[in-house]
Amino acid sequence: MKRALGFIGVFLSFLSGESACGNNSHQCVHLCGFCHYNNIPTMECLPSLYDHLCLNKFETAMNSLNSSEWCIWGNVNSLYSNLSHCTEEISDCLLIPWPNPLVEMTFVDIHSRFFQDCPTEELSDPPPAIVLALVITPICLIPVMVSLVVLKTKNGDGSS
């Protein structure tokens, strides 16, 4: 549902072509003014703004790190968050739903360029002793529960 609403918002923004502003903050007025001054519809202006204001900073910061440091979350956490916040702020200013297909493509591109060679931690099965304990416990509890029910009904409780 959220994705459908986002698509509808992006579609309506595309159709309107006007540069409406999300709020009156200095940054929003500047961003909306850039699109309006250059007579660029917001959906066509959005990729330029992402590239110049968000991606350039992210790429510069990532390139300042060694490629071996890209896979350490502590090194890239703030850079990644800043990129996410930047794309969100621009989208909010231009009244374009976030996330949107352009943001998704941007992050897919970033992952394929910077994080593709990072090792991933695969989920693995627990040790056999733990699996055995988790399987045996309910199996052993079933006869105990059946015995309790039989004893309860044999004692003449009669309420059941």
N, C-alpha and C. Protein backbone atom coordinates (compact mmCIF):
# COMPACT_ATOMS: atom_id res chain seq x y z
N MET A 1 0.83 -1.19 0.00
CA MET A 1 0.00 0.00 0.00
C MET A 1 0.87 1.25 0.00
N LYS A 2 1.92 1.26 0.84
CA LYS A 2 2.80 2.41 0.93
C LYS A 2 3.50 2.65 -0.40
N ARG A 3 3.93 1.55 -1.05
CA ARG A 3 4.60 1.66 -2.33
C ARG A 3 3.64 2.22 -3.38
N ALA A 4 2.38 1.80 -3.35
CA ALA A 4 1.39 2.28 -4.31
C ALA A 4 1.15 3.78 -4.12
N LEU A 5 1.03 4.21 -2.86
CA LEU A 5 0.83 5.63 -2.60
C LEU A 5 2.04 6.44 -3.04
N GLY A 6 3.24 5.89 -2.81
CA GLY A 6 4.46 6.57 -3.26
C GLY A 6 4.47 6.73 -4.76
N PHE A 7 4.07 5.68 -5.47
CA PHE A 7 4.03 5.74 -6.92
C PHE A 7 3.03 6.79 -7.39
N ILE A 8 1.87 6.83 -6.75
CA ILE A 8 0.85 7.82 -7.13
C ILE A 8 1.37 9.23 -6.89
N GLY A 9 2.04 9.44 -5.76
CA GLY A 9 2.61 10.76 -5.48
C GLY A 9 3.67 11.16 -6.48
N VAL A 10 4.55 10.23 -6.83
CA VAL A 10 5.58 10.52 -7.82
C VAL A 10 4.92 10.82 -9.17
N PHE A 11 3.90 10.05 -9.52
CA PHE A 11 3.22 10.24 -10.78
C PHE A 11 2.55 11.61 -10.83
N LEU A 12 1.87 11.99 -9.74
CA LEU A 12 1.21 13.29 -9.70
C LEU A 12 2.23 14.43 -9.74
N SER A 13 3.37 14.24 -9.07
CA SER A 13 4.42 15.26 -9.12
C SER A 13 4.93 15.42 -10.54
N PHE A 14 5.05 14.30 -11.22
CA PHE A 14 5.52 14.32 -12.59
C PHE A 14 4.54 15.06 -13.50
N LEU A 15 3.25 14.81 -13.28
CA LEU A 15 2.24 15.44 -14.12
C LEU A 15 2.15 16.94 -13.86
N SER A 16 2.29 17.32 -12.61
CA SER A 16 2.11 18.74 -12.29
C SER A 16 3.25 19.57 -12.84
N GLY A 17 4.48 19.08 -12.73
CA GLY A 17 5.63 19.79 -13.24
C GLY A 17 5.91 21.10 -12.52
N GLU A 18 5.12 21.45 -11.53
CA GLU A 18 5.32 22.69 -10.80
C GLU A 18 6.32 22.46 -9.69
N SER A 19 6.92 23.54 -9.25
CA SER A 19 7.89 23.39 -8.18
C SER A 19 7.27 23.87 -6.88
N ALA A 20 6.43 23.05 -6.30
CA ALA A 20 5.84 23.34 -4.99
C ALA A 20 6.90 23.05 -3.95
N CYS A 21 6.79 23.73 -2.83
CA CYS A 21 7.79 23.54 -1.78
C CYS A 21 7.15 22.92 -0.55
N GLY A 22 7.90 22.01 0.07
CA GLY A 22 7.40 21.30 1.24
C GLY A 22 7.27 22.20 2.46
N ASN A 23 8.23 23.07 2.67
CA ASN A 23 8.16 24.00 3.80
C ASN A 23 8.94 25.26 3.43
N ASN A 24 8.98 26.20 4.34
CA ASN A 24 9.62 27.48 4.06
C ASN A 24 11.03 27.57 4.61
N SER A 25 11.66 26.43 4.88
CA SER A 25 13.04 26.48 5.37
C SER A 25 13.94 27.02 4.27
N HIS A 26 15.07 27.53 4.67
CA HIS A 26 16.01 28.13 3.70
C HIS A 26 16.41 27.11 2.64
N GLN A 27 16.70 25.89 3.08
CA GLN A 27 17.14 24.86 2.13
C GLN A 27 16.03 24.52 1.13
N CYS A 28 14.81 24.36 1.62
CA CYS A 28 13.70 24.03 0.71
C CYS A 28 13.44 25.14 -0.29
N VAL A 29 13.46 26.36 0.17
CA VAL A 29 13.25 27.48 -0.73
C VAL A 29 14.35 27.51 -1.79
N HIS A 30 15.57 27.23 -1.37
CA HIS A 30 16.70 27.21 -2.30
C HIS A 30 16.54 26.09 -3.33
N LEU A 31 16.17 24.89 -2.87
CA LEU A 31 16.02 23.75 -3.77
C LEU A 31 14.87 23.97 -4.75
N CYS A 32 13.73 24.41 -4.23
CA CYS A 32 12.57 24.66 -5.10
C CYS A 32 12.87 25.79 -6.08
N GLY A 33 13.58 26.80 -5.59
CA GLY A 33 13.95 27.92 -6.45
C GLY A 33 14.88 27.48 -7.58
N PHE A 34 15.80 26.58 -7.28
CA PHE A 34 16.71 26.07 -8.31
C PHE A 34 15.92 25.40 -9.43
N CYS A 35 15.01 24.53 -9.05
CA CYS A 35 14.21 23.83 -10.07
C CYS A 35 13.33 24.81 -10.84
N HIS A 36 12.70 25.72 -10.10
CA HIS A 36 11.79 26.68 -10.73
C HIS A 36 12.55 27.66 -11.62
N TYR A 37 13.68 28.18 -11.13
CA TYR A 37 14.47 29.16 -11.88
C TYR A 37 14.98 28.56 -13.20
N ASN A 38 15.39 27.30 -13.16
CA ASN A 38 15.89 26.64 -14.36
C ASN A 38 14.76 26.02 -15.19
N ASN A 39 13.53 26.23 -14.75
CA ASN A 39 12.35 25.74 -15.46
C ASN A 39 12.42 24.23 -15.70
N ILE A 40 12.81 23.51 -14.63
CA ILE A 40 12.92 22.05 -14.70
C ILE A 40 11.81 21.46 -13.85
N PRO A 41 10.98 20.58 -14.41
CA PRO A 41 9.96 19.90 -13.59
C PRO A 41 10.64 19.16 -12.44
N THR A 42 9.94 19.06 -11.31
CA THR A 42 10.56 18.50 -10.10
C THR A 42 11.08 17.08 -10.31
N MET A 43 10.37 16.27 -11.07
CA MET A 43 10.83 14.89 -11.27
C MET A 43 12.09 14.82 -12.12
N GLU A 44 12.31 15.83 -12.95
CA GLU A 44 13.55 15.89 -13.73
C GLU A 44 14.65 16.59 -12.94
N CYS A 45 14.27 17.42 -12.01
CA CYS A 45 15.23 18.15 -11.17
C CYS A 45 15.78 17.26 -10.06
N LEU A 46 14.97 16.33 -9.61
CA LEU A 46 15.34 15.47 -8.48
C LEU A 46 16.66 14.72 -8.68
N PRO A 47 16.90 14.06 -9.83
CA PRO A 47 18.18 13.35 -9.99
C PRO A 47 19.39 14.28 -9.92
N SER A 48 19.25 15.49 -10.47
CA SER A 48 20.37 16.44 -10.41
C SER A 48 20.67 16.84 -8.98
N LEU A 49 19.62 17.09 -8.23
CA LEU A 49 19.81 17.48 -6.83
C LEU A 49 20.43 16.34 -6.01
N TYR A 50 19.93 15.12 -6.23
CA TYR A 50 20.53 13.96 -5.54
C TYR A 50 22.01 13.85 -5.86
N ASP A 51 22.34 13.96 -7.15
CA ASP A 51 23.73 13.81 -7.57
C ASP A 51 24.63 14.87 -6.94
N HIS A 52 24.22 16.13 -7.05
CA HIS A 52 25.09 17.22 -6.62
C HIS A 52 25.13 17.41 -5.10
N LEU A 53 24.02 17.19 -4.44
CA LEU A 53 23.97 17.48 -3.01
C LEU A 53 24.21 16.26 -2.13
N CYS A 54 23.85 15.08 -2.61
CA CYS A 54 23.94 13.90 -1.75
C CYS A 54 25.05 12.95 -2.19
N LEU A 55 24.99 12.53 -3.43
CA LEU A 55 25.92 11.51 -3.91
C LEU A 55 27.36 12.00 -3.96
N ASN A 56 27.59 13.23 -4.35
CA ASN A 56 28.95 13.74 -4.40
C ASN A 56 29.61 13.70 -3.02
N LYS A 57 28.87 14.12 -1.99
CA LYS A 57 29.41 14.08 -0.62
C LYS A 57 29.70 12.64 -0.19
N PHE A 58 28.75 11.76 -0.48
CA PHE A 58 28.92 10.35 -0.10
C PHE A 58 30.12 9.74 -0.80
N GLU A 59 30.22 9.95 -2.11
CA GLU A 59 31.33 9.36 -2.87
C GLU A 59 32.67 9.92 -2.42
N THR A 60 32.73 11.21 -2.16
CA THR A 60 33.97 11.83 -1.68
C THR A 60 34.38 11.23 -0.34
N ALA A 61 33.42 11.08 0.55
CA ALA A 61 33.71 10.50 1.86
C ALA A 61 34.12 9.04 1.75
N MET A 62 33.44 8.29 0.90
CA MET A 62 33.79 6.87 0.73
C MET A 62 35.17 6.73 0.09
N ASN A 63 35.49 7.58 -0.86
CA ASN A 63 36.80 7.50 -1.52
C ASN A 63 37.93 7.94 -0.60
N SER A 64 37.61 8.67 0.46
CA SER A 64 38.64 9.05 1.42
C SER A 64 39.02 7.86 2.31
N LEU A 65 38.17 6.83 2.34
CA LEU A 65 38.46 5.61 3.09
C LEU A 65 39.15 4.61 2.16
N ASN A 66 39.91 3.70 2.76
CA ASN A 66 40.44 2.59 1.98
C ASN A 66 39.30 1.65 1.65
N SER A 67 39.39 0.99 0.52
CA SER A 67 38.30 0.08 0.12
C SER A 67 38.11 -1.05 1.12
N SER A 68 39.16 -1.39 1.87
CA SER A 68 39.01 -2.43 2.89
C SER A 68 38.19 -1.94 4.08
N GLU A 69 38.07 -0.63 4.26
CA GLU A 69 37.30 -0.07 5.36
C GLU A 69 35.82 0.11 5.01
N TRP A 70 35.45 -0.06 3.74
CA TRP A 70 34.06 0.10 3.32
C TRP A 70 33.16 -0.94 3.95
N CYS A 71 33.68 -2.09 4.26
CA CYS A 71 32.86 -3.18 4.78
C CYS A 71 32.69 -3.13 6.29
N ILE A 72 33.31 -2.18 6.95
CA ILE A 72 33.19 -2.04 8.41
C ILE A 72 32.08 -1.02 8.68
N TRP A 73 30.98 -1.51 9.24
CA TRP A 73 29.79 -0.68 9.42
C TRP A 73 30.07 0.57 10.23
N GLY A 74 30.92 0.48 11.22
CA GLY A 74 31.24 1.65 12.04
C GLY A 74 31.85 2.77 11.22
N ASN A 75 32.54 2.44 10.15
CA ASN A 75 33.18 3.46 9.30
C ASN A 75 32.20 4.13 8.35
N VAL A 76 31.17 3.41 7.93
CA VAL A 76 30.27 3.95 6.90
C VAL A 76 28.87 4.27 7.42
N ASN A 77 28.60 3.94 8.65
CA ASN A 77 27.27 4.15 9.22
C ASN A 77 26.81 5.60 9.08
N SER A 78 27.63 6.54 9.52
CA SER A 78 27.21 7.94 9.48
C SER A 78 27.13 8.45 8.04
N LEU A 79 28.04 7.99 7.17
CA LEU A 79 27.99 8.40 5.76
C LEU A 79 26.70 7.91 5.10
N TYR A 80 26.36 6.68 5.37
CA TYR A 80 25.16 6.06 4.81
C TYR A 80 23.91 6.77 5.33
N SER A 81 23.89 7.06 6.63
CA SER A 81 22.75 7.77 7.23
C SER A 81 22.61 9.17 6.66
N ASN A 82 23.74 9.86 6.49
CA ASN A 82 23.71 11.21 5.92
C ASN A 82 23.15 11.19 4.50
N LEU A 83 23.54 10.20 3.72
CA LEU A 83 23.01 10.07 2.37
C LEU A 83 21.51 9.84 2.40
N SER A 84 21.07 8.97 3.27
CA SER A 84 19.64 8.68 3.40
C SER A 84 18.87 9.93 3.81
N HIS A 85 19.37 10.66 4.81
CA HIS A 85 18.71 11.89 5.26
C HIS A 85 18.69 12.95 4.17
N CYS A 86 19.78 13.04 3.42
CA CYS A 86 19.86 14.02 2.34
C CYS A 86 18.81 13.76 1.28
N THR A 87 18.69 12.50 0.85
CA THR A 87 17.69 12.18 -0.18
C THR A 87 16.27 12.41 0.36
N GLU A 88 16.08 12.11 1.64
CA GLU A 88 14.76 12.31 2.23
C GLU A 88 14.40 13.79 2.31
N GLU A 89 15.35 14.62 2.71
CA GLU A 89 15.09 16.06 2.82
C GLU A 89 14.77 16.67 1.47
N ILE A 90 15.51 16.28 0.44
CA ILE A 90 15.26 16.83 -0.89
C ILE A 90 13.88 16.40 -1.37
N SER A 91 13.56 15.14 -1.18
CA SER A 91 12.24 14.65 -1.60
C SER A 91 11.13 15.38 -0.85
N ASP A 92 11.31 15.56 0.45
CA ASP A 92 10.30 16.28 1.24
C ASP A 92 10.14 17.72 0.76
N CYS A 93 11.25 18.38 0.47
CA CYS A 93 11.17 19.76 0.00
C CYS A 93 10.42 19.87 -1.32
N LEU A 94 10.64 18.91 -2.20
CA LEU A 94 9.99 18.95 -3.52
C LEU A 94 8.63 18.27 -3.51
N LEU A 95 8.17 17.86 -2.32
CA LEU A 95 6.87 17.19 -2.15
C LEU A 95 6.77 15.91 -2.99
N ILE A 96 7.86 15.17 -3.00
CA ILE A 96 7.91 13.88 -3.69
C ILE A 96 8.01 12.81 -2.61
N PRO A 97 7.18 11.79 -2.68
CA PRO A 97 7.21 10.75 -1.65
C PRO A 97 8.60 10.11 -1.53
N TRP A 98 8.94 9.76 -0.31
CA TRP A 98 10.21 9.08 -0.05
C TRP A 98 9.92 7.84 0.74
N PRO A 99 10.45 6.69 0.46
CA PRO A 99 11.34 6.40 -0.66
C PRO A 99 10.59 6.37 -1.97
N ASN A 100 11.32 6.61 -3.02
CA ASN A 100 10.75 6.59 -4.36
C ASN A 100 11.66 5.76 -5.26
N PRO A 101 11.25 5.45 -6.47
CA PRO A 101 12.07 4.60 -7.34
C PRO A 101 13.48 5.14 -7.58
N LEU A 102 13.63 6.46 -7.65
CA LEU A 102 14.96 7.02 -7.87
C LEU A 102 15.86 6.77 -6.66
N VAL A 103 15.32 6.91 -5.46
CA VAL A 103 16.10 6.63 -4.24
C VAL A 103 16.50 5.16 -4.21
N GLU A 104 15.56 4.29 -4.55
CA GLU A 104 15.86 2.86 -4.55
C GLU A 104 16.97 2.55 -5.54
N MET A 105 16.91 3.12 -6.74
CA MET A 105 17.96 2.89 -7.73
C MET A 105 19.29 3.46 -7.26
N THR A 106 19.25 4.60 -6.58
CA THR A 106 20.47 5.22 -6.06
C THR A 106 21.15 4.30 -5.06
N PHE A 107 20.38 3.75 -4.13
CA PHE A 107 20.97 2.88 -3.11
C PHE A 107 21.42 1.54 -3.69
N VAL A 108 20.70 1.04 -4.68
CA VAL A 108 21.15 -0.19 -5.34
C VAL A 108 22.48 0.07 -6.03
N ASP A 109 22.59 1.21 -6.69
CA ASP A 109 23.85 1.57 -7.36
C ASP A 109 24.99 1.69 -6.36
N ILE A 110 24.73 2.33 -5.24
CA ILE A 110 25.75 2.49 -4.20
C ILE A 110 26.20 1.13 -3.67
N HIS A 111 25.24 0.27 -3.43
CA HIS A 111 25.59 -1.06 -2.92
C HIS A 111 26.41 -1.84 -3.94
N SER A 112 26.08 -1.73 -5.20
CA SER A 112 26.83 -2.48 -6.21
C SER A 112 28.22 -1.89 -6.41
N ARG A 113 28.40 -0.60 -6.17
CA ARG A 113 29.72 0.02 -6.35
C ARG A 113 30.61 -0.10 -5.13
N PHE A 114 30.06 0.06 -3.95
CA PHE A 114 30.90 0.14 -2.76
C PHE A 114 30.85 -1.10 -1.87
N PHE A 115 29.74 -1.80 -1.83
CA PHE A 115 29.58 -2.87 -0.85
C PHE A 115 29.44 -4.26 -1.46
N GLN A 116 29.64 -4.38 -2.75
CA GLN A 116 29.43 -5.66 -3.41
C GLN A 116 30.41 -6.73 -2.92
N ASP A 117 31.63 -6.35 -2.62
CA ASP A 117 32.64 -7.33 -2.21
C ASP A 117 32.68 -7.57 -0.71
N CYS A 118 31.78 -6.97 0.02
CA CYS A 118 31.75 -7.16 1.48
C CYS A 118 31.22 -8.55 1.80
N PRO A 119 31.86 -9.21 2.75
CA PRO A 119 31.35 -10.53 3.14
C PRO A 119 30.04 -10.39 3.88
N THR A 120 29.16 -11.32 3.65
CA THR A 120 27.88 -11.32 4.36
C THR A 120 27.88 -12.48 5.33
N GLU A 121 27.25 -12.26 6.44
CA GLU A 121 27.14 -13.33 7.43
C GLU A 121 25.89 -14.13 7.12
N GLU A 122 26.10 -15.35 6.71
CA GLU A 122 24.99 -16.23 6.38
C GLU A 122 24.44 -16.82 7.67
N LEU A 123 23.16 -17.05 7.71
CA LEU A 123 22.57 -17.73 8.86
C LEU A 123 22.92 -19.20 8.78
N SER A 124 23.29 -19.75 9.90
CA SER A 124 23.65 -21.16 9.91
C SER A 124 22.83 -21.89 10.96
N ASP A 125 22.78 -23.21 10.82
CA ASP A 125 22.05 -24.02 11.78
C ASP A 125 22.77 -24.02 13.12
N PRO A 126 22.02 -24.11 14.21
CA PRO A 126 22.67 -24.20 15.52
C PRO A 126 23.36 -25.56 15.65
N PRO A 127 24.19 -25.72 16.64
CA PRO A 127 24.86 -27.00 16.85
C PRO A 127 23.84 -28.13 17.07
N PRO A 128 24.21 -29.37 16.72
CA PRO A 128 23.28 -30.50 16.84
C PRO A 128 22.72 -30.70 18.24
N ALA A 129 23.49 -30.42 19.28
CA ALA A 129 23.00 -30.60 20.65
C ALA A 129 21.81 -29.66 20.92
N ILE A 130 21.87 -28.45 20.43
CA ILE A 130 20.77 -27.50 20.65
C ILE A 130 19.55 -27.92 19.85
N VAL A 131 19.74 -28.37 18.61
CA VAL A 131 18.63 -28.84 17.79
C VAL A 131 17.96 -30.02 18.48
N LEU A 132 18.75 -30.95 18.99
CA LEU A 132 18.22 -32.13 19.67
C LEU A 132 17.40 -31.72 20.89
N ALA A 133 17.92 -30.79 21.68
CA ALA A 133 17.19 -30.34 22.87
C ALA A 133 15.87 -29.67 22.49
N LEU A 134 15.89 -28.87 21.43
CA LEU A 134 14.67 -28.19 21.01
C LEU A 134 13.63 -29.14 20.42
N VAL A 135 14.07 -30.23 19.85
CA VAL A 135 13.15 -31.21 19.29
C VAL A 135 12.63 -32.15 20.37
N ILE A 136 13.51 -32.60 21.25
CA ILE A 136 13.14 -33.59 22.27
C ILE A 136 12.21 -33.00 23.33
N THR A 137 12.40 -31.74 23.70
CA THR A 137 11.61 -31.13 24.77
C THR A 137 10.11 -31.23 24.51
N PRO A 138 9.58 -30.78 23.37
CA PRO A 138 8.13 -30.91 23.17
C PRO A 138 7.67 -32.36 23.05
N ILE A 139 8.53 -33.20 22.49
CA ILE A 139 8.17 -34.62 22.37
C ILE A 139 8.00 -35.25 23.75
N CYS A 140 8.86 -34.90 24.68
CA CYS A 140 8.76 -35.44 26.04
C CYS A 140 7.60 -34.81 26.82
N LEU A 141 7.24 -33.59 26.51
CA LEU A 141 6.16 -32.93 27.23
C LEU A 141 4.79 -33.48 26.85
N ILE A 142 4.63 -33.99 25.66
CA ILE A 142 3.33 -34.49 25.21
C ILE A 142 2.83 -35.63 26.10
N PRO A 143 3.64 -36.69 26.35
CA PRO A 143 3.14 -37.76 27.24
C PRO A 143 2.85 -37.26 28.66
N VAL A 144 3.66 -36.33 29.14
CA VAL A 144 3.42 -35.79 30.48
C VAL A 144 2.08 -35.06 30.52
N MET A 145 1.78 -34.27 29.52
CA MET A 145 0.51 -33.54 29.48
C MET A 145 -0.68 -34.50 29.34
N VAL A 146 -0.52 -35.52 28.52
CA VAL A 146 -1.60 -36.51 28.37
C VAL A 146 -1.83 -37.21 29.70
N SER A 147 -0.78 -37.56 30.40
CA SER A 147 -0.91 -38.23 31.71
C SER A 147 -1.63 -37.33 32.70
N LEU A 148 -1.31 -36.06 32.70
CA LEU A 148 -1.98 -35.13 33.62
C LEU A 148 -3.47 -35.02 33.31
N VAL A 149 -3.82 -35.00 32.05
CA VAL A 149 -5.23 -34.93 31.67
C VAL A 149 -5.95 -36.19 32.11
N VAL A 150 -5.35 -37.36 31.88
CA VAL A 150 -5.98 -38.63 32.27
C VAL A 150 -6.14 -38.69 33.78
N LEU A 151 -5.11 -38.33 34.55
CA LEU A 151 -5.21 -38.35 36.01
C LEU A 151 -6.28 -37.38 36.51
N LYS A 152 -6.35 -36.23 35.89
CA LYS A 152 -7.33 -35.23 36.31
C LYS A 152 -8.76 -35.75 36.09
N THR A 153 -9.00 -36.41 34.98
CA THR A 153 -10.34 -36.91 34.69
C THR A 153 -10.66 -38.18 35.50
N LYS A 154 -9.68 -38.98 35.89
CA LYS A 154 -9.92 -40.21 36.68
C LYS A 154 -10.23 -39.90 38.13
N ASN A 155 -9.78 -38.78 38.63
CA ASN A 155 -9.97 -38.46 40.05
C ASN A 155 -11.38 -38.00 40.35
N GLY A 156 -12.25 -38.10 39.39
CA GLY A 156 -13.65 -37.76 39.63
C GLY A 156 -13.92 -36.29 39.72
N ASP A 157 -13.10 -35.50 39.07
CA ASP A 157 -13.31 -34.05 39.10
C ASP A 157 -14.68 -33.73 38.53
N GLY A 158 -15.06 -34.37 37.40
CA GLY A 158 -16.39 -34.26 36.83
C GLY A 158 -16.75 -32.91 36.25
N SER A 159 -15.87 -31.96 36.34
CA SER A 159 -16.20 -30.64 35.82
C SER A 159 -15.97 -30.55 34.32
N SER A 160 -15.34 -31.56 33.73
CA SER A 160 -15.09 -31.49 32.31
C SER A 160 -15.99 -32.41 31.53
